Amino acid sequence: MEPLVFENIPLPPASALKALAPESMDSKPASIGKLFEAEESGLLRYAIGLVGRRMVAEELVQETFLRLHKIWADVENPRGWLYRCLRNLAINHLRDHPKETELTEETAQSGESLPPETLGRNEAVGLVRLLLAELPESDQSLVRLKYHDDLHYTEISKRTGLSVGNVGYRLHHVLKALAENLRHAGIEGSQG
C-alpha cells in the first residue's frame, strides 16, 4: 500500500474564528498534510480498535482522508469530522463484512486474539478522542493545556485570558459532559 500524499491546500481567511480564540489556538490546521501528520496514528489506533485488523484499519483511515480532501474547504472541525467519518466507515465495513477474519502465520499458530480488555481500552480511547474532537476549539484547548501540557489553572488562565475560576468551571463541565457521553456509550470507569 502506497502512503498518502496530499497537496497543501491553504485555509480560507477565518477572521471570525480567530476572534473567538487566542491567536496561538487555531481551530483548523493550515493544511490537510499537517492534519494527516498530527492525526494519522491516533486514527489508525482507533480504527484498529473498531475493526480489529490493521490492514483494514489502514484502508479505512486512507479512505477517511481522501474523503476529507474532497471537501476540505467546507469542513470547520476537520479533527472531529475525521473521527466521525472513520467511525461510520468502520461500522459500514463491519456490517458489510461480518465474518471476515485475517489468517496469518501468527494467528494460525497461536489462535489468540487481543484480550477483550485491550480491545475495550482501544475502543474507549478512540471514543474519547472522537468526543474531544467534537468539542469547540476553546474547550479542546483547555483540556489540552490541563492534561497534555499539565498546566495549573493559573497558568491556563494566563494563556487563555480566562479567570482562574472560569477555567475550573469550564473544565469541570467539559469533563462532566465527556463522562456522561462515555456512560451513554456503555463505557464505565478507567478500564473501559
N, C-alpha and C. Protein backbone atom coordinates (compact mmCIF):
# COMPACT_ATOMS: atom_id res chain seq x y z
N MET A 1 0.84 -1.17 0.00
CA MET A 1 0.00 0.00 0.00
C MET A 1 0.89 1.24 0.00
N GLU A 2 0.66 2.14 -0.93
CA GLU A 2 1.44 3.36 -1.02
C GLU A 2 0.95 4.37 0.00
N PRO A 3 1.88 5.15 0.60
CA PRO A 3 1.43 6.16 1.56
C PRO A 3 0.67 7.28 0.86
N LEU A 4 -0.19 7.91 1.60
CA LEU A 4 -0.96 9.02 1.07
C LEU A 4 -0.09 10.26 0.94
N VAL A 5 -0.29 11.02 -0.12
CA VAL A 5 0.39 12.29 -0.30
C VAL A 5 -0.68 13.31 -0.63
N PHE A 6 -0.77 14.35 0.18
CA PHE A 6 -1.78 15.37 -0.03
C PHE A 6 -1.10 16.67 -0.43
N GLU A 7 -1.74 17.39 -1.31
CA GLU A 7 -1.27 18.72 -1.62
C GLU A 7 -1.67 19.63 -0.46
N ASN A 8 -0.90 20.65 -0.23
CA ASN A 8 -1.22 21.59 0.84
C ASN A 8 -2.21 22.61 0.32
N ILE A 9 -3.44 22.52 0.81
CA ILE A 9 -4.49 23.45 0.43
C ILE A 9 -4.56 24.52 1.51
N PRO A 10 -4.29 25.78 1.17
CA PRO A 10 -4.31 26.82 2.20
C PRO A 10 -5.73 27.06 2.70
N LEU A 11 -5.80 27.49 3.94
CA LEU A 11 -7.09 27.80 4.54
C LEU A 11 -7.64 29.11 4.02
N PRO A 12 -8.95 29.19 3.89
CA PRO A 12 -9.54 30.49 3.58
C PRO A 12 -9.45 31.38 4.82
N PRO A 13 -9.53 32.70 4.65
CA PRO A 13 -9.46 33.59 5.82
C PRO A 13 -10.53 33.22 6.84
N ALA A 14 -10.12 33.18 8.09
CA ALA A 14 -11.05 32.80 9.15
C ALA A 14 -10.98 33.81 10.27
N SER A 15 -11.14 35.07 9.95
CA SER A 15 -11.03 36.12 10.96
C SER A 15 -12.08 35.98 12.05
N ALA A 16 -13.24 35.45 11.69
CA ALA A 16 -14.29 35.27 12.70
C ALA A 16 -13.88 34.24 13.73
N LEU A 17 -13.22 33.16 13.29
CA LEU A 17 -12.79 32.13 14.24
C LEU A 17 -11.68 32.64 15.14
N LYS A 18 -10.76 33.42 14.59
CA LYS A 18 -9.65 33.92 15.40
C LYS A 18 -10.13 34.91 16.45
N ALA A 19 -11.23 35.57 16.20
CA ALA A 19 -11.77 36.50 17.19
C ALA A 19 -12.29 35.77 18.42
N LEU A 20 -12.68 34.49 18.25
CA LEU A 20 -13.22 33.72 19.37
C LEU A 20 -12.14 33.09 20.23
N ALA A 21 -10.96 32.82 19.68
CA ALA A 21 -9.91 32.12 20.42
C ALA A 21 -8.62 32.91 20.35
N PRO A 22 -7.71 32.67 21.31
CA PRO A 22 -6.41 33.33 21.26
C PRO A 22 -5.69 32.97 19.97
N GLU A 23 -4.78 33.83 19.54
CA GLU A 23 -4.12 33.63 18.25
C GLU A 23 -3.33 32.34 18.18
N SER A 24 -2.80 31.86 19.28
CA SER A 24 -1.99 30.64 19.26
C SER A 24 -2.83 29.38 19.12
N MET A 25 -4.16 29.50 19.18
CA MET A 25 -5.02 28.32 19.15
C MET A 25 -5.92 28.34 17.92
N ASP A 26 -5.34 28.02 16.76
CA ASP A 26 -6.14 27.96 15.54
C ASP A 26 -7.05 26.76 15.59
N SER A 27 -8.26 26.90 15.06
CA SER A 27 -9.22 25.80 15.12
C SER A 27 -9.03 24.83 13.98
N LYS A 28 -8.29 25.18 12.94
CA LYS A 28 -8.12 24.30 11.80
C LYS A 28 -6.65 24.34 11.38
N PRO A 29 -6.03 23.19 11.18
CA PRO A 29 -4.63 23.18 10.74
C PRO A 29 -4.49 23.91 9.41
N ALA A 30 -3.29 24.38 9.14
CA ALA A 30 -3.03 25.15 7.93
C ALA A 30 -3.21 24.33 6.67
N SER A 31 -3.04 23.01 6.75
CA SER A 31 -3.21 22.18 5.56
C SER A 31 -3.65 20.78 5.96
N ILE A 32 -4.16 20.06 5.01
CA ILE A 32 -4.59 18.69 5.27
C ILE A 32 -3.36 17.81 5.55
N GLY A 33 -2.22 18.18 4.95
CA GLY A 33 -0.98 17.44 5.21
C GLY A 33 -0.57 17.51 6.67
N LYS A 34 -0.67 18.70 7.24
CA LYS A 34 -0.33 18.86 8.67
C LYS A 34 -1.32 18.09 9.55
N LEU A 35 -2.58 18.11 9.17
CA LEU A 35 -3.59 17.37 9.91
C LEU A 35 -3.29 15.87 9.83
N PHE A 36 -2.91 15.40 8.66
CA PHE A 36 -2.57 13.99 8.48
C PHE A 36 -1.41 13.60 9.39
N GLU A 37 -0.37 14.42 9.42
CA GLU A 37 0.79 14.14 10.29
C GLU A 37 0.38 14.07 11.76
N ALA A 38 -0.51 14.97 12.17
CA ALA A 38 -0.90 15.05 13.57
C ALA A 38 -1.88 13.95 13.99
N GLU A 39 -2.76 13.53 13.09
CA GLU A 39 -3.87 12.66 13.48
C GLU A 39 -3.80 11.22 12.98
N GLU A 40 -2.93 10.92 12.02
CA GLU A 40 -2.95 9.61 11.38
C GLU A 40 -2.76 8.46 12.37
N SER A 41 -1.79 8.56 13.27
CA SER A 41 -1.53 7.44 14.18
C SER A 41 -2.69 7.24 15.16
N GLY A 42 -3.28 8.31 15.66
CA GLY A 42 -4.43 8.19 16.56
C GLY A 42 -5.64 7.59 15.85
N LEU A 43 -5.86 8.03 14.62
CA LEU A 43 -6.97 7.48 13.84
C LEU A 43 -6.74 6.00 13.55
N LEU A 44 -5.51 5.63 13.26
CA LEU A 44 -5.20 4.23 12.98
C LEU A 44 -5.45 3.36 14.21
N ARG A 45 -5.02 3.82 15.38
CA ARG A 45 -5.28 3.06 16.62
C ARG A 45 -6.78 2.92 16.86
N TYR A 46 -7.51 4.00 16.62
CA TYR A 46 -8.96 3.98 16.79
C TYR A 46 -9.59 2.98 15.83
N ALA A 47 -9.17 3.00 14.58
CA ALA A 47 -9.72 2.09 13.58
C ALA A 47 -9.39 0.63 13.91
N ILE A 48 -8.19 0.38 14.38
CA ILE A 48 -7.81 -0.99 14.75
C ILE A 48 -8.70 -1.46 15.90
N GLY A 49 -8.97 -0.57 16.84
CA GLY A 49 -9.86 -0.92 17.95
C GLY A 49 -11.27 -1.23 17.47
N LEU A 50 -11.70 -0.58 16.40
CA LEU A 50 -13.05 -0.81 15.90
C LEU A 50 -13.16 -2.07 15.04
N VAL A 51 -12.20 -2.26 14.12
CA VAL A 51 -12.33 -3.38 13.17
C VAL A 51 -11.43 -4.56 13.50
N GLY A 52 -10.42 -4.36 14.35
CA GLY A 52 -9.58 -5.47 14.79
C GLY A 52 -8.52 -5.94 13.80
N ARG A 53 -8.40 -5.30 12.66
CA ARG A 53 -7.42 -5.70 11.65
C ARG A 53 -6.66 -4.49 11.15
N ARG A 54 -5.34 -4.57 11.23
CA ARG A 54 -4.51 -3.42 10.85
C ARG A 54 -4.68 -3.06 9.37
N MET A 55 -4.68 -4.04 8.49
CA MET A 55 -4.78 -3.73 7.06
C MET A 55 -6.09 -3.03 6.73
N VAL A 56 -7.17 -3.51 7.29
CA VAL A 56 -8.48 -2.88 7.06
C VAL A 56 -8.47 -1.48 7.67
N ALA A 57 -7.90 -1.35 8.86
CA ALA A 57 -7.85 -0.06 9.54
C ALA A 57 -7.08 0.96 8.70
N GLU A 58 -5.96 0.54 8.12
CA GLU A 58 -5.17 1.44 7.28
C GLU A 58 -5.98 1.90 6.08
N GLU A 59 -6.72 0.99 5.47
CA GLU A 59 -7.55 1.35 4.32
C GLU A 59 -8.66 2.33 4.72
N LEU A 60 -9.25 2.10 5.88
CA LEU A 60 -10.31 2.99 6.34
C LEU A 60 -9.78 4.39 6.64
N VAL A 61 -8.61 4.47 7.26
CA VAL A 61 -8.01 5.77 7.55
C VAL A 61 -7.68 6.48 6.23
N GLN A 62 -7.14 5.73 5.28
CA GLN A 62 -6.82 6.32 3.98
C GLN A 62 -8.09 6.85 3.30
N GLU A 63 -9.13 6.07 3.31
CA GLU A 63 -10.40 6.48 2.71
C GLU A 63 -10.96 7.72 3.41
N THR A 64 -10.80 7.78 4.73
CA THR A 64 -11.28 8.92 5.50
C THR A 64 -10.58 10.20 5.06
N PHE A 65 -9.25 10.14 4.93
CA PHE A 65 -8.52 11.32 4.50
C PHE A 65 -8.83 11.69 3.04
N LEU A 66 -9.04 10.71 2.20
CA LEU A 66 -9.42 11.00 0.81
C LEU A 66 -10.76 11.73 0.76
N ARG A 67 -11.69 11.30 1.58
CA ARG A 67 -13.00 11.97 1.63
C ARG A 67 -12.87 13.39 2.16
N LEU A 68 -12.04 13.57 3.18
CA LEU A 68 -11.83 14.91 3.73
C LEU A 68 -11.18 15.81 2.68
N HIS A 69 -10.25 15.27 1.93
CA HIS A 69 -9.55 16.05 0.92
C HIS A 69 -10.53 16.66 -0.09
N LYS A 70 -11.57 15.92 -0.42
CA LYS A 70 -12.55 16.39 -1.41
C LYS A 70 -13.37 17.57 -0.89
N ILE A 71 -13.57 17.65 0.43
CA ILE A 71 -14.45 18.69 0.98
C ILE A 71 -13.72 19.58 1.99
N TRP A 72 -12.39 19.61 1.93
CA TRP A 72 -11.56 20.31 2.91
C TRP A 72 -12.03 21.74 3.19
N ALA A 73 -12.34 22.48 2.18
CA ALA A 73 -12.71 23.89 2.36
C ALA A 73 -14.03 24.06 3.12
N ASP A 74 -14.89 23.05 3.09
CA ASP A 74 -16.20 23.16 3.72
C ASP A 74 -16.26 22.67 5.16
N VAL A 75 -15.20 22.01 5.64
CA VAL A 75 -15.22 21.40 6.97
C VAL A 75 -14.64 22.38 7.99
N GLU A 76 -15.44 22.70 9.01
CA GLU A 76 -14.99 23.63 10.04
C GLU A 76 -14.16 22.95 11.13
N ASN A 77 -14.50 21.72 11.47
CA ASN A 77 -13.80 20.98 12.52
C ASN A 77 -13.27 19.68 11.91
N PRO A 78 -12.13 19.74 11.21
CA PRO A 78 -11.66 18.55 10.49
C PRO A 78 -11.32 17.39 11.41
N ARG A 79 -10.81 17.67 12.60
CA ARG A 79 -10.46 16.58 13.52
C ARG A 79 -11.70 15.79 13.92
N GLY A 80 -12.74 16.48 14.31
CA GLY A 80 -13.99 15.82 14.66
C GLY A 80 -14.61 15.11 13.47
N TRP A 81 -14.53 15.75 12.31
CA TRP A 81 -15.07 15.16 11.09
C TRP A 81 -14.34 13.85 10.78
N LEU A 82 -13.01 13.83 10.94
CA LEU A 82 -12.24 12.62 10.66
C LEU A 82 -12.67 11.45 11.54
N TYR A 83 -12.79 11.69 12.83
CA TYR A 83 -13.16 10.60 13.74
C TYR A 83 -14.59 10.12 13.46
N ARG A 84 -15.49 11.05 13.20
CA ARG A 84 -16.87 10.65 12.91
C ARG A 84 -16.94 9.86 11.60
N CYS A 85 -16.26 10.34 10.57
CA CYS A 85 -16.26 9.64 9.28
C CYS A 85 -15.63 8.26 9.41
N LEU A 86 -14.50 8.17 10.12
CA LEU A 86 -13.83 6.88 10.30
C LEU A 86 -14.74 5.91 11.05
N ARG A 87 -15.41 6.38 12.08
CA ARG A 87 -16.33 5.52 12.82
C ARG A 87 -17.42 5.00 11.90
N ASN A 88 -18.00 5.88 11.08
CA ASN A 88 -19.06 5.47 10.16
C ASN A 88 -18.54 4.47 9.12
N LEU A 89 -17.34 4.71 8.59
CA LEU A 89 -16.76 3.77 7.62
C LEU A 89 -16.51 2.41 8.27
N ALA A 90 -16.03 2.41 9.52
CA ALA A 90 -15.77 1.16 10.22
C ALA A 90 -17.07 0.39 10.47
N ILE A 91 -18.10 1.10 10.87
CA ILE A 91 -19.40 0.45 11.10
C ILE A 91 -19.92 -0.14 9.80
N ASN A 92 -19.82 0.61 8.71
CA ASN A 92 -20.25 0.09 7.41
C ASN A 92 -19.45 -1.14 7.01
N HIS A 93 -18.14 -1.09 7.25
CA HIS A 93 -17.29 -2.23 6.90
C HIS A 93 -17.69 -3.47 7.71
N LEU A 94 -17.88 -3.29 9.00
CA LEU A 94 -18.24 -4.42 9.85
C LEU A 94 -19.61 -4.99 9.48
N ARG A 95 -20.52 -4.13 9.10
CA ARG A 95 -21.84 -4.58 8.66
C ARG A 95 -21.74 -5.36 7.35
N ASP A 96 -20.93 -4.86 6.42
CA ASP A 96 -20.82 -5.48 5.10
C ASP A 96 -19.93 -6.72 5.09
N HIS A 97 -19.05 -6.87 6.08
CA HIS A 97 -18.12 -8.00 6.15
C HIS A 97 -18.15 -8.63 7.54
N PRO A 98 -19.28 -9.19 7.96
CA PRO A 98 -19.42 -9.64 9.35
C PRO A 98 -18.52 -10.81 9.73
N LYS A 99 -18.18 -11.69 8.82
CA LYS A 99 -17.41 -12.87 9.18
C LYS A 99 -15.99 -12.82 8.67
N GLU A 100 -15.54 -11.67 8.24
CA GLU A 100 -14.20 -11.52 7.70
C GLU A 100 -13.17 -11.62 8.82
N THR A 101 -12.19 -12.49 8.63
CA THR A 101 -11.09 -12.60 9.59
C THR A 101 -9.79 -12.67 8.82
N GLU A 102 -8.72 -12.32 9.48
CA GLU A 102 -7.41 -12.35 8.85
C GLU A 102 -6.66 -13.57 9.36
N LEU A 103 -6.14 -14.37 8.45
CA LEU A 103 -5.39 -15.56 8.82
C LEU A 103 -3.93 -15.34 8.44
N THR A 104 -3.09 -15.24 9.43
CA THR A 104 -1.65 -15.11 9.21
C THR A 104 -0.97 -16.26 9.93
N GLU A 105 0.32 -16.38 9.77
CA GLU A 105 1.05 -17.44 10.47
C GLU A 105 0.88 -17.29 11.98
N GLU A 106 0.94 -16.05 12.44
CA GLU A 106 0.81 -15.82 13.88
C GLU A 106 -0.54 -16.26 14.41
N THR A 107 -1.62 -15.87 13.74
CA THR A 107 -2.95 -16.23 14.24
C THR A 107 -3.23 -17.71 14.02
N ALA A 108 -2.69 -18.30 12.96
CA ALA A 108 -2.90 -19.72 12.72
C ALA A 108 -2.21 -20.57 13.78
N GLN A 109 -1.02 -20.14 14.22
CA GLN A 109 -0.28 -20.91 15.20
C GLN A 109 -0.82 -20.72 16.61
N SER A 110 -1.06 -19.48 16.98
CA SER A 110 -1.42 -19.23 18.37
C SER A 110 -2.93 -19.33 18.60
N GLY A 111 -3.71 -18.97 17.62
CA GLY A 111 -5.16 -18.98 17.78
C GLY A 111 -5.64 -17.92 18.75
N GLU A 112 -4.76 -17.00 19.14
CA GLU A 112 -5.12 -15.97 20.11
C GLU A 112 -5.44 -14.66 19.39
N SER A 113 -6.31 -13.91 19.99
CA SER A 113 -6.58 -12.56 19.51
C SER A 113 -6.30 -11.62 20.67
N LEU A 114 -6.50 -10.36 20.44
CA LEU A 114 -6.29 -9.40 21.51
C LEU A 114 -7.26 -9.67 22.65
N PRO A 115 -6.77 -9.54 23.88
CA PRO A 115 -7.68 -9.73 25.01
C PRO A 115 -8.81 -8.71 24.98
N PRO A 116 -9.98 -9.09 25.48
CA PRO A 116 -11.12 -8.16 25.48
C PRO A 116 -10.81 -6.84 26.19
N GLU A 117 -9.96 -6.89 27.21
CA GLU A 117 -9.62 -5.66 27.93
C GLU A 117 -8.90 -4.68 27.01
N THR A 118 -7.98 -5.23 26.18
CA THR A 118 -7.23 -4.37 25.26
C THR A 118 -8.15 -3.79 24.20
N LEU A 119 -9.01 -4.62 23.65
CA LEU A 119 -9.95 -4.12 22.64
C LEU A 119 -10.87 -3.07 23.24
N GLY A 120 -11.37 -3.32 24.45
CA GLY A 120 -12.25 -2.36 25.12
C GLY A 120 -11.52 -1.05 25.39
N ARG A 121 -10.27 -1.14 25.81
CA ARG A 121 -9.49 0.07 26.09
C ARG A 121 -9.26 0.85 24.80
N ASN A 122 -8.90 0.15 23.72
CA ASN A 122 -8.69 0.83 22.43
C ASN A 122 -9.96 1.53 21.96
N GLU A 123 -11.09 0.86 22.12
CA GLU A 123 -12.35 1.47 21.70
C GLU A 123 -12.67 2.68 22.57
N ALA A 124 -12.42 2.56 23.89
CA ALA A 124 -12.69 3.68 24.79
C ALA A 124 -11.81 4.88 24.46
N VAL A 125 -10.54 4.62 24.21
CA VAL A 125 -9.61 5.70 23.87
C VAL A 125 -10.06 6.38 22.57
N GLY A 126 -10.45 5.57 21.61
CA GLY A 126 -10.94 6.12 20.35
C GLY A 126 -12.18 6.96 20.53
N LEU A 127 -13.08 6.50 21.37
CA LEU A 127 -14.31 7.25 21.62
C LEU A 127 -14.00 8.57 22.33
N VAL A 128 -13.07 8.54 23.28
CA VAL A 128 -12.68 9.78 23.97
C VAL A 128 -12.10 10.76 22.95
N ARG A 129 -11.25 10.26 22.05
CA ARG A 129 -10.68 11.14 21.02
C ARG A 129 -11.78 11.72 20.14
N LEU A 130 -12.74 10.91 19.79
CA LEU A 130 -13.85 11.37 18.96
C LEU A 130 -14.63 12.46 19.70
N LEU A 131 -14.96 12.20 20.95
CA LEU A 131 -15.72 13.18 21.73
C LEU A 131 -14.94 14.47 21.92
N LEU A 132 -13.64 14.37 22.17
CA LEU A 132 -12.81 15.57 22.32
C LEU A 132 -12.75 16.35 21.02
N ALA A 133 -12.64 15.64 19.91
CA ALA A 133 -12.54 16.31 18.61
C ALA A 133 -13.83 17.04 18.26
N GLU A 134 -14.95 16.61 18.83
CA GLU A 134 -16.22 17.25 18.54
C GLU A 134 -16.48 18.48 19.42
N LEU A 135 -15.63 18.69 20.42
CA LEU A 135 -15.78 19.87 21.29
C LEU A 135 -15.40 21.14 20.53
N PRO A 136 -15.92 22.27 20.97
CA PRO A 136 -15.45 23.54 20.40
C PRO A 136 -13.95 23.68 20.67
N GLU A 137 -13.25 24.36 19.79
CA GLU A 137 -11.79 24.50 19.90
C GLU A 137 -11.38 25.10 21.25
N SER A 138 -12.15 26.03 21.77
CA SER A 138 -11.78 26.64 23.06
C SER A 138 -11.78 25.60 24.18
N ASP A 139 -12.75 24.68 24.17
CA ASP A 139 -12.78 23.62 25.18
C ASP A 139 -11.67 22.60 24.94
N GLN A 140 -11.41 22.28 23.68
CA GLN A 140 -10.29 21.38 23.37
C GLN A 140 -8.99 21.95 23.90
N SER A 141 -8.82 23.26 23.73
CA SER A 141 -7.59 23.91 24.19
C SER A 141 -7.45 23.81 25.70
N LEU A 142 -8.55 24.02 26.42
CA LEU A 142 -8.49 23.91 27.88
C LEU A 142 -8.08 22.50 28.31
N VAL A 143 -8.66 21.50 27.69
CA VAL A 143 -8.33 20.11 28.03
C VAL A 143 -6.87 19.83 27.70
N ARG A 144 -6.41 20.29 26.53
CA ARG A 144 -5.01 20.08 26.13
C ARG A 144 -4.06 20.74 27.12
N LEU A 145 -4.35 22.00 27.47
CA LEU A 145 -3.47 22.72 28.39
C LEU A 145 -3.41 22.03 29.75
N LYS A 146 -4.55 21.53 30.23
CA LYS A 146 -4.59 20.90 31.55
C LYS A 146 -3.97 19.51 31.55
N TYR A 147 -4.35 18.67 30.57
CA TYR A 147 -3.96 17.26 30.66
C TYR A 147 -2.82 16.87 29.73
N HIS A 148 -2.58 17.63 28.69
CA HIS A 148 -1.45 17.32 27.83
C HIS A 148 -0.23 18.12 28.26
N ASP A 149 -0.43 19.42 28.49
CA ASP A 149 0.68 20.28 28.90
C ASP A 149 0.86 20.29 30.42
N ASP A 150 -0.10 19.69 31.15
CA ASP A 150 -0.02 19.55 32.61
C ASP A 150 0.12 20.90 33.32
N LEU A 151 -0.67 21.88 32.89
CA LEU A 151 -0.61 23.21 33.48
C LEU A 151 -1.63 23.36 34.61
N HIS A 152 -1.31 24.24 35.55
CA HIS A 152 -2.24 24.57 36.63
C HIS A 152 -3.24 25.60 36.12
N TYR A 153 -4.33 25.76 36.85
CA TYR A 153 -5.38 26.69 36.43
C TYR A 153 -4.83 28.11 36.24
N THR A 154 -3.92 28.54 37.11
CA THR A 154 -3.38 29.90 36.98
C THR A 154 -2.59 30.07 35.68
N GLU A 155 -1.84 29.04 35.31
CA GLU A 155 -1.08 29.11 34.05
C GLU A 155 -2.02 29.09 32.84
N ILE A 156 -3.07 28.28 32.94
CA ILE A 156 -4.06 28.23 31.85
C ILE A 156 -4.75 29.58 31.74
N SER A 157 -5.05 30.18 32.89
CA SER A 157 -5.70 31.49 32.92
C SER A 157 -4.85 32.54 32.20
N LYS A 158 -3.56 32.53 32.45
CA LYS A 158 -2.65 33.49 31.80
C LYS A 158 -2.61 33.28 30.29
N ARG A 159 -2.62 32.02 29.85
CA ARG A 159 -2.53 31.73 28.42
C ARG A 159 -3.83 32.03 27.67
N THR A 160 -4.95 31.82 28.33
CA THR A 160 -6.23 31.96 27.63
C THR A 160 -6.93 33.29 27.87
N GLY A 161 -6.54 33.98 28.94
CA GLY A 161 -7.22 35.23 29.27
C GLY A 161 -8.49 35.02 30.09
N LEU A 162 -8.80 33.78 30.43
CA LEU A 162 -9.96 33.49 31.28
C LEU A 162 -9.57 33.64 32.74
N SER A 163 -10.54 33.89 33.59
CA SER A 163 -10.24 33.93 35.02
C SER A 163 -9.98 32.50 35.50
N VAL A 164 -9.26 32.38 36.61
CA VAL A 164 -8.95 31.07 37.17
C VAL A 164 -10.24 30.31 37.49
N GLY A 165 -11.21 31.00 38.05
CA GLY A 165 -12.48 30.37 38.37
C GLY A 165 -13.21 29.88 37.12
N ASN A 166 -13.14 30.67 36.06
CA ASN A 166 -13.80 30.28 34.81
C ASN A 166 -13.11 29.07 34.18
N VAL A 167 -11.78 29.00 34.30
CA VAL A 167 -11.05 27.83 33.79
C VAL A 167 -11.54 26.57 34.51
N GLY A 168 -11.61 26.64 35.83
CA GLY A 168 -12.08 25.49 36.61
C GLY A 168 -13.51 25.12 36.28
N TYR A 169 -14.36 26.12 36.17
CA TYR A 169 -15.77 25.89 35.86
C TYR A 169 -15.93 25.22 34.51
N ARG A 170 -15.28 25.75 33.49
CA ARG A 170 -15.41 25.20 32.14
C ARG A 170 -14.83 23.80 32.05
N LEU A 171 -13.66 23.58 32.66
CA LEU A 171 -13.07 22.23 32.63
C LEU A 171 -13.98 21.23 33.33
N HIS A 172 -14.55 21.63 34.45
CA HIS A 172 -15.45 20.75 35.18
C HIS A 172 -16.63 20.32 34.29
N HIS A 173 -17.23 21.27 33.62
CA HIS A 173 -18.40 20.96 32.80
C HIS A 173 -18.03 20.18 31.53
N VAL A 174 -16.86 20.45 30.97
CA VAL A 174 -16.41 19.68 29.80
C VAL A 174 -16.19 18.23 30.20
N LEU A 175 -15.51 18.01 31.30
CA LEU A 175 -15.22 16.64 31.76
C LEU A 175 -16.50 15.91 32.17
N LYS A 176 -17.41 16.64 32.80
CA LYS A 176 -18.69 16.04 33.18
C LYS A 176 -19.47 15.59 31.94
N ALA A 177 -19.48 16.42 30.90
CA ALA A 177 -20.17 16.07 29.66
C ALA A 177 -19.49 14.88 28.97
N LEU A 178 -18.16 14.85 28.98
CA LEU A 178 -17.44 13.71 28.39
C LEU A 178 -17.77 12.42 29.13
N ALA A 179 -17.78 12.48 30.44
CA ALA A 179 -18.10 11.29 31.24
C ALA A 179 -19.52 10.81 30.96
N GLU A 180 -20.44 11.74 30.84
CA GLU A 180 -21.83 11.38 30.55
C GLU A 180 -21.94 10.74 29.17
N ASN A 181 -21.25 11.29 28.19
CA ASN A 181 -21.27 10.70 26.85
C ASN A 181 -20.65 9.30 26.84
N LEU A 182 -19.61 9.10 27.62
CA LEU A 182 -18.99 7.77 27.71
C LEU A 182 -19.95 6.78 28.37
N ARG A 183 -20.65 7.21 29.42
CA ARG A 183 -21.63 6.34 30.07
C ARG A 183 -22.74 5.95 29.09
N HIS A 184 -23.20 6.90 28.30
CA HIS A 184 -24.24 6.62 27.30
C HIS A 184 -23.76 5.62 26.26
N ALA A 185 -22.43 5.63 26.01
CA ALA A 185 -21.85 4.70 25.04
C ALA A 185 -21.56 3.34 25.67
N GLY A 186 -21.80 3.22 26.98
CA GLY A 186 -21.57 1.94 27.65
C GLY A 186 -20.18 1.77 28.21
N ILE A 187 -19.44 2.86 28.36
CA ILE A 187 -18.08 2.79 28.90
C ILE A 187 -18.09 3.39 30.29
N GLU A 188 -17.74 2.57 31.26
CA GLU A 188 -17.74 2.99 32.65
C GLU A 188 -16.34 2.83 33.22
N GLY A 189 -15.90 3.77 34.02
CA GLY A 189 -14.64 3.65 34.74
C GLY A 189 -13.42 3.82 33.87
N SER A 190 -12.24 3.72 34.51
CA SER A 190 -10.99 3.97 33.81
C SER A 190 -10.52 2.77 32.99
N GLN A 191 -11.13 1.62 33.16
CA GLN A 191 -10.71 0.43 32.42
C GLN A 191 -11.52 0.21 31.14
N GLY A 192 -12.46 1.10 30.83
CA GLY A 192 -13.26 0.98 29.61
C GLY A 192 -14.31 -0.03 29.83
